Amino acid sequence: MFEWYRRQRFYDPRRAMAIRAWMDGDLRLALRLLQWAEPDHKPRLASDRERPDDSGLSFQAA
């Protein structure tokens, strides 16, 4: 977690608050703050990880 924080190019107080919330055990608040800080980044759900990655495959009807 801290390595990821150090790699960031600029200081964002939302990330700092997310780390504080995570260390205090409030994971829901930490996730919400991180999503607010990086709205384009969407965390992968467990259901997404179970499905095989079929990107690059094409299907053709027989």
N, C-alpha and C. Protein backbone atom coordinates (compact mmCIF):
# COMPACT_ATOMS: atom_id res chain seq x y z
N MET A 1 0.82 -1.19 0.00
CA MET A 1 0.00 0.00 0.00
C MET A 1 0.86 1.25 0.00
N PHE A 2 1.87 1.29 0.83
CA PHE A 2 2.68 2.49 0.92
C PHE A 2 3.57 2.66 -0.31
N GLU A 3 3.99 1.56 -0.93
CA GLU A 3 4.77 1.66 -2.16
C GLU A 3 3.92 2.31 -3.25
N TRP A 4 2.66 1.91 -3.34
CA TRP A 4 1.76 2.50 -4.33
C TRP A 4 1.63 3.99 -4.08
N TYR A 5 1.51 4.39 -2.81
CA TYR A 5 1.33 5.80 -2.46
C TYR A 5 2.56 6.61 -2.85
N ARG A 6 3.74 6.05 -2.64
CA ARG A 6 4.98 6.77 -2.98
C ARG A 6 5.16 6.93 -4.48
N ARG A 7 4.59 6.05 -5.28
CA ARG A 7 4.73 6.14 -6.74
C ARG A 7 3.84 7.20 -7.35
N GLN A 8 2.88 7.74 -6.60
CA GLN A 8 1.98 8.76 -7.13
C GLN A 8 2.76 10.03 -7.43
N ARG A 9 2.39 10.70 -8.50
CA ARG A 9 3.14 11.87 -8.96
C ARG A 9 2.85 13.13 -8.15
N PHE A 10 1.71 13.23 -7.52
CA PHE A 10 1.38 14.44 -6.77
C PHE A 10 0.60 14.05 -5.52
N TYR A 11 0.60 14.94 -4.56
CA TYR A 11 -0.10 14.71 -3.30
C TYR A 11 -1.59 14.95 -3.49
N ASP A 12 -2.38 14.02 -3.07
CA ASP A 12 -3.82 14.16 -3.11
C ASP A 12 -4.35 13.84 -1.71
N PRO A 13 -4.97 14.80 -1.04
CA PRO A 13 -5.43 14.55 0.32
C PRO A 13 -6.45 13.42 0.42
N ARG A 14 -7.15 13.13 -0.67
CA ARG A 14 -8.12 12.02 -0.64
C ARG A 14 -7.40 10.69 -0.48
N ARG A 15 -6.22 10.56 -1.12
CA ARG A 15 -5.44 9.33 -0.94
C ARG A 15 -4.92 9.22 0.48
N ALA A 16 -4.47 10.35 1.03
CA ALA A 16 -3.98 10.34 2.41
C ALA A 16 -5.10 9.97 3.37
N MET A 17 -6.29 10.51 3.15
CA MET A 17 -7.43 10.16 4.01
C MET A 17 -7.82 8.70 3.84
N ALA A 18 -7.68 8.17 2.61
CA ALA A 18 -8.00 6.76 2.37
C ALA A 18 -7.05 5.86 3.13
N ILE A 19 -5.77 6.20 3.15
CA ILE A 19 -4.80 5.40 3.89
C ILE A 19 -5.11 5.46 5.38
N ARG A 20 -5.47 6.64 5.87
CA ARG A 20 -5.81 6.78 7.29
C ARG A 20 -7.05 5.94 7.63
N ALA A 21 -8.05 5.99 6.78
CA ALA A 21 -9.26 5.19 7.01
C ALA A 21 -8.93 3.71 6.98
N TRP A 22 -8.07 3.28 6.06
CA TRP A 22 -7.67 1.88 5.96
C TRP A 22 -6.94 1.45 7.22
N MET A 23 -6.04 2.29 7.72
CA MET A 23 -5.29 1.95 8.93
C MET A 23 -6.21 1.92 10.16
N ASP A 24 -7.27 2.72 10.14
CA ASP A 24 -8.24 2.72 11.25
C ASP A 24 -9.25 1.58 11.12
N GLY A 25 -9.20 0.83 10.02
CA GLY A 25 -10.09 -0.31 9.85
C GLY A 25 -11.38 0.00 9.12
N ASP A 26 -11.53 1.20 8.59
CA ASP A 26 -12.75 1.57 7.87
C ASP A 26 -12.52 1.36 6.38
N LEU A 27 -12.63 0.11 5.94
CA LEU A 27 -12.33 -0.23 4.55
C LEU A 27 -13.35 0.37 3.58
N ARG A 28 -14.60 0.47 4.01
CA ARG A 28 -15.63 1.04 3.13
C ARG A 28 -15.30 2.50 2.80
N LEU A 29 -14.92 3.27 3.82
CA LEU A 29 -14.55 4.67 3.58
C LEU A 29 -13.29 4.77 2.74
N ALA A 30 -12.31 3.89 3.00
CA ALA A 30 -11.07 3.91 2.22
C ALA A 30 -11.35 3.66 0.74
N LEU A 31 -12.18 2.67 0.44
CA LEU A 31 -12.52 2.39 -0.96
C LEU A 31 -13.26 3.56 -1.59
N ARG A 32 -14.17 4.16 -0.85
CA ARG A 32 -14.93 5.30 -1.39
C ARG A 32 -14.01 6.47 -1.71
N LEU A 33 -13.06 6.75 -0.82
CA LEU A 33 -12.13 7.85 -1.06
C LEU A 33 -11.22 7.57 -2.25
N LEU A 34 -10.76 6.32 -2.38
CA LEU A 34 -9.91 5.98 -3.53
C LEU A 34 -10.69 6.06 -4.83
N GLN A 35 -11.95 5.65 -4.81
CA GLN A 35 -12.76 5.77 -6.02
C GLN A 35 -13.00 7.23 -6.37
N TRP A 36 -13.11 8.07 -5.39
CA TRP A 36 -13.29 9.50 -5.61
C TRP A 36 -12.01 10.12 -6.16
N ALA A 37 -10.87 9.64 -5.68
CA ALA A 37 -9.58 10.18 -6.13
C ALA A 37 -9.25 9.71 -7.55
N GLU A 38 -9.65 8.49 -7.91
CA GLU A 38 -9.36 7.93 -9.22
C GLU A 38 -10.64 7.36 -9.82
N PRO A 39 -11.53 8.20 -10.35
CA PRO A 39 -12.81 7.71 -10.85
C PRO A 39 -12.69 6.80 -12.07
N ASP A 40 -11.60 6.90 -12.84
CA ASP A 40 -11.45 6.06 -14.03
C ASP A 40 -11.03 4.64 -13.69
N HIS A 41 -10.42 4.46 -12.53
CA HIS A 41 -9.95 3.14 -12.11
C HIS A 41 -11.09 2.40 -11.43
N LYS A 42 -11.48 1.26 -11.98
CA LYS A 42 -12.56 0.48 -11.39
C LYS A 42 -11.98 -0.81 -10.84
N PRO A 43 -12.21 -1.09 -9.56
CA PRO A 43 -11.68 -2.32 -8.98
C PRO A 43 -12.35 -3.54 -9.59
N ARG A 44 -11.60 -4.62 -9.73
CA ARG A 44 -12.14 -5.85 -10.30
C ARG A 44 -12.91 -6.59 -9.23
N LEU A 45 -14.07 -7.05 -9.58
CA LEU A 45 -14.89 -7.81 -8.65
C LEU A 45 -14.47 -9.27 -8.69
N ALA A 46 -14.87 -10.02 -7.68
CA ALA A 46 -14.54 -11.45 -7.62
C ALA A 46 -15.12 -12.18 -8.82
N SER A 47 -16.31 -11.79 -9.27
CA SER A 47 -16.92 -12.45 -10.42
C SER A 47 -16.12 -12.19 -11.69
N ASP A 48 -15.47 -11.03 -11.79
CA ASP A 48 -14.64 -10.74 -12.96
C ASP A 48 -13.40 -11.61 -12.98
N ARG A 49 -12.85 -11.90 -11.82
CA ARG A 49 -11.62 -12.69 -11.76
C ARG A 49 -11.88 -14.15 -12.06
N GLU A 50 -13.10 -14.62 -11.80
CA GLU A 50 -13.40 -16.03 -12.03
C GLU A 50 -13.62 -16.33 -13.50
N ARG A 51 -14.07 -15.33 -14.24
CA ARG A 51 -14.29 -15.53 -15.67
C ARG A 51 -12.97 -15.52 -16.41
N PRO A 52 -12.80 -16.42 -17.38
CA PRO A 52 -11.56 -16.37 -18.17
C PRO A 52 -11.53 -15.11 -19.02
N ASP A 53 -10.35 -14.63 -19.27
CA ASP A 53 -10.19 -13.43 -20.08
C ASP A 53 -10.31 -13.82 -21.54
N ASP A 54 -11.40 -13.43 -22.17
CA ASP A 54 -11.61 -13.80 -23.56
C ASP A 54 -11.35 -12.64 -24.50
N SER A 55 -10.58 -11.65 -24.04
CA SER A 55 -10.25 -10.55 -24.94
C SER A 55 -9.32 -11.08 -26.03
N GLY A 56 -9.56 -10.67 -27.23
CA GLY A 56 -8.75 -11.13 -28.34
C GLY A 56 -9.33 -12.36 -29.03
N LEU A 57 -10.36 -12.95 -28.46
CA LEU A 57 -10.99 -14.11 -29.08
C LEU A 57 -12.19 -13.65 -29.89
N SER A 58 -12.38 -14.27 -31.01
CA SER A 58 -13.57 -13.97 -31.80
C SER A 58 -14.31 -15.28 -32.06
N PHE A 59 -15.62 -15.20 -32.12
CA PHE A 59 -16.43 -16.38 -32.32
C PHE A 59 -17.16 -16.27 -33.65
N GLN A 60 -17.31 -17.41 -34.31
CA GLN A 60 -17.99 -17.44 -35.59
C GLN A 60 -18.98 -18.60 -35.55
N ALA A 61 -20.21 -18.33 -35.99
CA ALA A 61 -21.23 -19.38 -36.01
C ALA A 61 -20.87 -20.42 -37.06
N ALA A 62 -21.16 -21.68 -36.74
CA ALA A 62 -20.83 -22.77 -37.66
C ALA A 62 -21.90 -22.95 -38.72
